N, C-alpha and C. Protein backbone atom coordinates (compact mmCIF):
# COMPACT_ATOMS: atom_id res chain seq x y z
N MET A 1 49.72 -38.66 134.79
CA MET A 1 50.26 -37.66 133.88
C MET A 1 51.73 -37.39 134.15
N LYS A 2 52.20 -37.68 135.34
CA LYS A 2 53.61 -37.45 135.62
C LYS A 2 54.51 -38.28 134.72
N ASP A 3 54.04 -39.45 134.27
CA ASP A 3 54.84 -40.30 133.39
C ASP A 3 55.13 -39.62 132.06
N THR A 4 54.24 -38.75 131.62
CA THR A 4 54.44 -38.04 130.35
C THR A 4 55.33 -36.82 130.53
N GLY A 5 55.51 -36.38 131.76
CA GLY A 5 56.26 -35.16 132.01
C GLY A 5 55.39 -33.92 131.93
N ILE A 6 54.12 -34.11 131.57
CA ILE A 6 53.18 -32.99 131.49
C ILE A 6 52.19 -33.13 132.63
N TYR A 7 52.37 -32.34 133.64
CA TYR A 7 51.46 -32.38 134.77
C TYR A 7 51.53 -31.04 135.51
N PHE A 8 50.50 -30.77 136.25
CA PHE A 8 50.49 -29.60 137.12
C PHE A 8 50.50 -30.08 138.55
N GLU A 9 51.39 -29.52 139.34
CA GLU A 9 51.36 -29.81 140.77
C GLU A 9 50.09 -29.20 141.33
N SER A 10 49.55 -29.81 142.38
CA SER A 10 48.36 -29.28 143.02
C SER A 10 48.64 -27.89 143.57
N LEU A 11 47.70 -27.00 143.36
CA LEU A 11 47.82 -25.64 143.88
C LEU A 11 47.14 -25.52 145.24
N GLU A 12 46.44 -26.55 145.61
CA GLU A 12 45.56 -26.52 146.77
C GLU A 12 46.26 -26.20 148.09
N ASN A 13 47.40 -26.76 148.36
CA ASN A 13 48.05 -26.60 149.65
C ASN A 13 49.21 -25.60 149.63
N ALA A 14 49.25 -24.72 148.67
CA ALA A 14 50.32 -23.73 148.60
C ALA A 14 50.25 -22.82 149.83
N ARG A 15 51.39 -22.58 150.44
CA ARG A 15 51.42 -21.76 151.65
C ARG A 15 51.57 -20.27 151.36
N SER A 16 51.94 -19.94 150.14
CA SER A 16 52.07 -18.53 149.76
C SER A 16 51.71 -18.39 148.29
N PHE A 17 51.44 -17.16 147.89
CA PHE A 17 51.14 -16.94 146.49
C PHE A 17 52.35 -17.26 145.62
N ASP A 18 53.54 -16.93 146.08
CA ASP A 18 54.75 -17.23 145.31
C ASP A 18 54.89 -18.73 145.06
N GLU A 19 54.58 -19.53 146.06
CA GLU A 19 54.64 -20.99 145.89
C GLU A 19 53.60 -21.46 144.88
N LEU A 20 52.38 -20.94 144.99
CA LEU A 20 51.32 -21.29 144.04
C LEU A 20 51.72 -20.89 142.62
N TYR A 21 52.22 -19.67 142.47
CA TYR A 21 52.62 -19.15 141.17
C TYR A 21 53.75 -19.98 140.56
N ASN A 22 54.73 -20.35 141.36
CA ASN A 22 55.84 -21.18 140.86
C ASN A 22 55.37 -22.56 140.45
N ARG A 23 54.42 -23.13 141.17
CA ARG A 23 53.85 -24.43 140.77
C ARG A 23 53.13 -24.29 139.43
N TYR A 24 52.35 -23.23 139.30
CA TYR A 24 51.62 -22.99 138.05
C TYR A 24 52.60 -22.82 136.88
N LEU A 25 53.61 -21.97 137.07
CA LEU A 25 54.60 -21.76 135.99
C LEU A 25 55.34 -23.05 135.65
N GLY A 26 55.60 -23.89 136.64
CA GLY A 26 56.25 -25.17 136.37
C GLY A 26 55.44 -26.01 135.40
N GLY A 27 54.12 -26.04 135.59
CA GLY A 27 53.25 -26.78 134.66
C GLY A 27 53.30 -26.20 133.26
N ILE A 28 53.28 -24.88 133.17
CA ILE A 28 53.35 -24.23 131.86
C ILE A 28 54.68 -24.54 131.18
N ARG A 29 55.76 -24.52 131.94
CA ARG A 29 57.09 -24.84 131.38
C ARG A 29 57.13 -26.28 130.85
N ARG A 30 56.54 -27.21 131.61
CA ARG A 30 56.54 -28.60 131.16
C ARG A 30 55.74 -28.77 129.87
N ILE A 31 54.62 -28.08 129.76
CA ILE A 31 53.82 -28.15 128.53
C ILE A 31 54.60 -27.57 127.36
N ALA A 32 55.22 -26.40 127.54
CA ALA A 32 55.98 -25.77 126.45
C ALA A 32 57.16 -26.62 126.03
N ALA A 33 57.87 -27.21 126.99
CA ALA A 33 59.02 -28.07 126.66
C ALA A 33 58.56 -29.32 125.91
N SER A 34 57.46 -29.89 126.33
CA SER A 34 56.95 -31.09 125.65
C SER A 34 56.55 -30.76 124.22
N LYS A 35 55.87 -29.63 124.04
CA LYS A 35 55.47 -29.24 122.68
C LYS A 35 56.69 -28.98 121.80
N ALA A 36 57.72 -28.36 122.36
CA ALA A 36 58.94 -28.12 121.58
C ALA A 36 59.60 -29.43 121.16
N THR A 37 59.61 -30.41 122.06
CA THR A 37 60.18 -31.71 121.73
C THR A 37 59.39 -32.40 120.63
N ILE A 38 58.08 -32.38 120.76
CA ILE A 38 57.22 -33.01 119.74
C ILE A 38 57.40 -32.32 118.39
N THR A 39 57.45 -31.00 118.40
CA THR A 39 57.61 -30.24 117.17
C THR A 39 58.94 -30.54 116.50
N SER A 40 60.00 -30.59 117.28
CA SER A 40 61.32 -30.84 116.68
C SER A 40 61.43 -32.25 116.13
N ARG A 41 60.77 -33.19 116.75
CA ARG A 41 60.81 -34.58 116.26
C ARG A 41 59.94 -34.80 115.03
N GLY A 42 58.75 -34.21 115.03
CA GLY A 42 57.80 -34.54 113.98
C GLY A 42 57.41 -33.41 113.08
N GLY A 43 58.10 -32.30 113.15
CA GLY A 43 57.73 -31.13 112.35
C GLY A 43 57.65 -31.39 110.86
N ARG A 44 58.49 -32.26 110.36
CA ARG A 44 58.49 -32.54 108.91
C ARG A 44 57.29 -33.38 108.47
N LEU A 45 56.64 -34.01 109.42
CA LEU A 45 55.47 -34.84 109.09
C LEU A 45 54.16 -34.16 109.45
N TRP A 46 54.24 -32.98 110.03
CA TRP A 46 53.05 -32.33 110.59
C TRP A 46 51.95 -32.15 109.55
N HIS A 47 52.30 -31.82 108.32
CA HIS A 47 51.28 -31.59 107.30
C HIS A 47 50.48 -32.85 107.00
N LYS A 48 51.04 -34.02 107.29
CA LYS A 48 50.32 -35.28 107.08
C LYS A 48 49.46 -35.63 108.30
N VAL A 49 49.88 -35.17 109.45
CA VAL A 49 49.21 -35.54 110.70
C VAL A 49 48.17 -34.51 111.13
N SER A 50 48.51 -33.24 111.03
CA SER A 50 47.62 -32.20 111.54
C SER A 50 47.71 -30.93 110.69
N PRO A 51 47.20 -30.99 109.46
CA PRO A 51 47.26 -29.80 108.61
C PRO A 51 46.39 -28.68 109.18
N MET A 52 46.74 -27.47 108.83
CA MET A 52 46.01 -26.29 109.31
C MET A 52 45.31 -25.64 108.11
N CYS A 53 44.31 -26.32 107.61
CA CYS A 53 43.64 -25.91 106.37
C CYS A 53 43.02 -24.52 106.47
N ALA A 54 42.29 -24.26 107.55
CA ALA A 54 41.60 -22.96 107.67
C ALA A 54 42.61 -21.82 107.74
N MET A 55 43.65 -22.00 108.53
CA MET A 55 44.68 -20.95 108.64
C MET A 55 45.40 -20.78 107.31
N SER A 56 45.70 -21.87 106.64
CA SER A 56 46.39 -21.81 105.36
C SER A 56 45.56 -21.09 104.30
N ALA A 57 44.25 -21.25 104.36
CA ALA A 57 43.37 -20.60 103.39
C ALA A 57 43.38 -19.08 103.53
N LEU A 58 43.85 -18.59 104.68
CA LEU A 58 43.91 -17.15 104.91
C LEU A 58 45.27 -16.54 104.59
N MET A 59 46.21 -17.36 104.17
CA MET A 59 47.57 -16.87 103.93
C MET A 59 47.88 -16.93 102.44
N GLU A 60 48.21 -15.76 101.90
CA GLU A 60 48.43 -15.62 100.46
C GLU A 60 49.44 -16.62 99.89
N PRO A 61 50.61 -16.79 100.49
CA PRO A 61 51.56 -17.74 99.90
C PRO A 61 51.00 -19.17 99.83
N CYS A 62 50.24 -19.56 100.82
CA CYS A 62 49.67 -20.91 100.83
C CYS A 62 48.67 -21.08 99.69
N VAL A 63 47.84 -20.08 99.50
CA VAL A 63 46.83 -20.15 98.44
C VAL A 63 47.50 -20.21 97.07
N LYS A 64 48.51 -19.35 96.86
CA LYS A 64 49.20 -19.34 95.57
C LYS A 64 49.90 -20.67 95.29
N GLN A 65 50.51 -21.24 96.32
CA GLN A 65 51.26 -22.49 96.15
C GLN A 65 50.37 -23.73 96.25
N LYS A 66 49.13 -23.52 96.71
CA LYS A 66 48.19 -24.63 96.93
C LYS A 66 48.78 -25.67 97.88
N LYS A 67 49.42 -25.14 98.94
CA LYS A 67 50.03 -25.99 99.96
C LYS A 67 49.64 -25.49 101.34
N ASP A 68 49.60 -26.40 102.25
CA ASP A 68 49.29 -26.08 103.64
C ASP A 68 50.48 -25.37 104.29
N ILE A 69 50.20 -24.53 105.29
CA ILE A 69 51.27 -23.83 106.00
C ILE A 69 52.21 -24.83 106.69
N THR A 70 51.67 -25.96 107.14
CA THR A 70 52.50 -26.97 107.80
C THR A 70 53.39 -27.71 106.81
N ALA A 71 53.13 -27.54 105.52
CA ALA A 71 53.96 -28.15 104.49
C ALA A 71 55.01 -27.16 103.96
N GLY A 72 55.15 -26.03 104.65
CA GLY A 72 56.19 -25.07 104.28
C GLY A 72 55.76 -24.00 103.30
N ALA A 73 54.46 -23.79 103.13
CA ALA A 73 54.01 -22.81 102.13
C ALA A 73 53.93 -21.39 102.65
N GLY A 74 53.92 -21.21 103.95
CA GLY A 74 53.78 -19.87 104.50
C GLY A 74 55.03 -19.03 104.36
N LYS A 75 54.86 -17.73 104.44
CA LYS A 75 56.01 -16.82 104.39
C LYS A 75 56.89 -17.02 105.62
N TYR A 76 56.24 -17.17 106.76
CA TYR A 76 56.94 -17.43 108.02
C TYR A 76 56.41 -18.75 108.56
N ASN A 77 57.26 -19.75 108.60
CA ASN A 77 56.80 -21.07 108.99
C ASN A 77 57.29 -21.52 110.36
N GLY A 78 57.75 -20.61 111.16
CA GLY A 78 58.22 -20.99 112.48
C GLY A 78 57.09 -21.52 113.34
N GLU A 79 57.36 -22.55 114.07
CA GLU A 79 56.39 -23.10 115.00
C GLU A 79 56.27 -22.16 116.19
N THR A 80 55.08 -22.01 116.71
CA THR A 80 54.87 -21.09 117.82
C THR A 80 53.90 -21.67 118.82
N ASN A 81 53.91 -21.11 120.00
CA ASN A 81 52.91 -21.44 121.01
C ASN A 81 51.92 -20.29 121.07
N TYR A 82 50.65 -20.61 121.06
CA TYR A 82 49.63 -19.59 121.17
C TYR A 82 49.15 -19.56 122.61
N PHE A 83 49.39 -18.45 123.26
CA PHE A 83 48.99 -18.32 124.65
C PHE A 83 47.60 -17.69 124.70
N THR A 84 46.61 -18.49 124.32
CA THR A 84 45.24 -18.02 124.37
C THR A 84 44.79 -17.95 125.83
N LEU A 85 43.86 -17.11 126.08
CA LEU A 85 43.31 -16.90 127.43
C LEU A 85 44.33 -16.37 128.41
N PHE A 86 45.38 -15.72 127.92
CA PHE A 86 46.42 -15.21 128.80
C PHE A 86 45.87 -14.18 129.78
N ALA A 87 45.06 -13.23 129.29
CA ALA A 87 44.51 -12.19 130.16
C ALA A 87 43.63 -12.79 131.25
N GLU A 88 42.83 -13.79 130.90
CA GLU A 88 41.97 -14.45 131.89
C GLU A 88 42.80 -15.17 132.95
N THR A 89 43.91 -15.76 132.53
CA THR A 89 44.79 -16.45 133.47
C THR A 89 45.40 -15.46 134.45
N VAL A 90 45.87 -14.33 133.95
CA VAL A 90 46.45 -13.30 134.82
C VAL A 90 45.40 -12.80 135.80
N ASP A 91 44.19 -12.51 135.31
CA ASP A 91 43.11 -12.06 136.19
C ASP A 91 42.81 -13.10 137.27
N SER A 92 42.77 -14.36 136.90
CA SER A 92 42.49 -15.42 137.86
C SER A 92 43.58 -15.54 138.92
N LEU A 93 44.82 -15.48 138.49
CA LEU A 93 45.92 -15.56 139.45
C LEU A 93 45.91 -14.36 140.41
N LEU A 94 45.61 -13.18 139.90
CA LEU A 94 45.54 -12.00 140.76
C LEU A 94 44.36 -12.10 141.74
N ALA A 95 43.25 -12.67 141.30
CA ALA A 95 42.10 -12.86 142.20
C ALA A 95 42.45 -13.86 143.30
N ILE A 96 43.14 -14.93 142.96
CA ILE A 96 43.58 -15.91 143.96
C ILE A 96 44.51 -15.24 144.96
N LYS A 97 45.44 -14.46 144.45
CA LYS A 97 46.39 -13.76 145.33
C LYS A 97 45.65 -12.87 146.32
N LYS A 98 44.73 -12.06 145.81
CA LYS A 98 44.00 -11.12 146.65
C LYS A 98 43.11 -11.84 147.66
N LEU A 99 42.26 -12.74 147.17
CA LEU A 99 41.28 -13.38 148.05
C LEU A 99 41.87 -14.40 149.00
N CYS A 100 42.80 -15.21 148.50
CA CYS A 100 43.31 -16.31 149.32
C CYS A 100 44.50 -15.92 150.19
N PHE A 101 45.37 -15.09 149.67
CA PHE A 101 46.62 -14.84 150.39
C PHE A 101 46.67 -13.47 151.07
N GLU A 102 45.94 -12.49 150.52
CA GLU A 102 45.93 -11.18 151.16
C GLU A 102 44.73 -11.02 152.09
N ASP A 103 43.52 -11.28 151.57
CA ASP A 103 42.31 -11.12 152.38
C ASP A 103 42.01 -12.37 153.22
N LYS A 104 42.62 -13.49 152.86
CA LYS A 104 42.45 -14.79 153.54
C LYS A 104 40.98 -15.20 153.63
N VAL A 105 40.26 -15.01 152.52
CA VAL A 105 38.84 -15.39 152.46
C VAL A 105 38.72 -16.89 152.33
């Protein structure tokens, strides 16, 4: 995966929570940068490659224009990253911090 630029460094041998956290954030940064690059290169073709039919069906401008949101029919067409499971990630990182680095379990 390192060849693609999208990889996570192992968290296993981190000597401190700060080191573990920085490794984790590095992986997230690489994923976000890669997605931004892909979006900027292929954004104009996205409606042909990966239309968002279900989401478009819920947006009034798309329905009126009978066009997919990826084809420019939405009111706001900016590309975005969806940080799903964010709360679970924060909880997990805090549990690792407490159990592994503070309590040393």
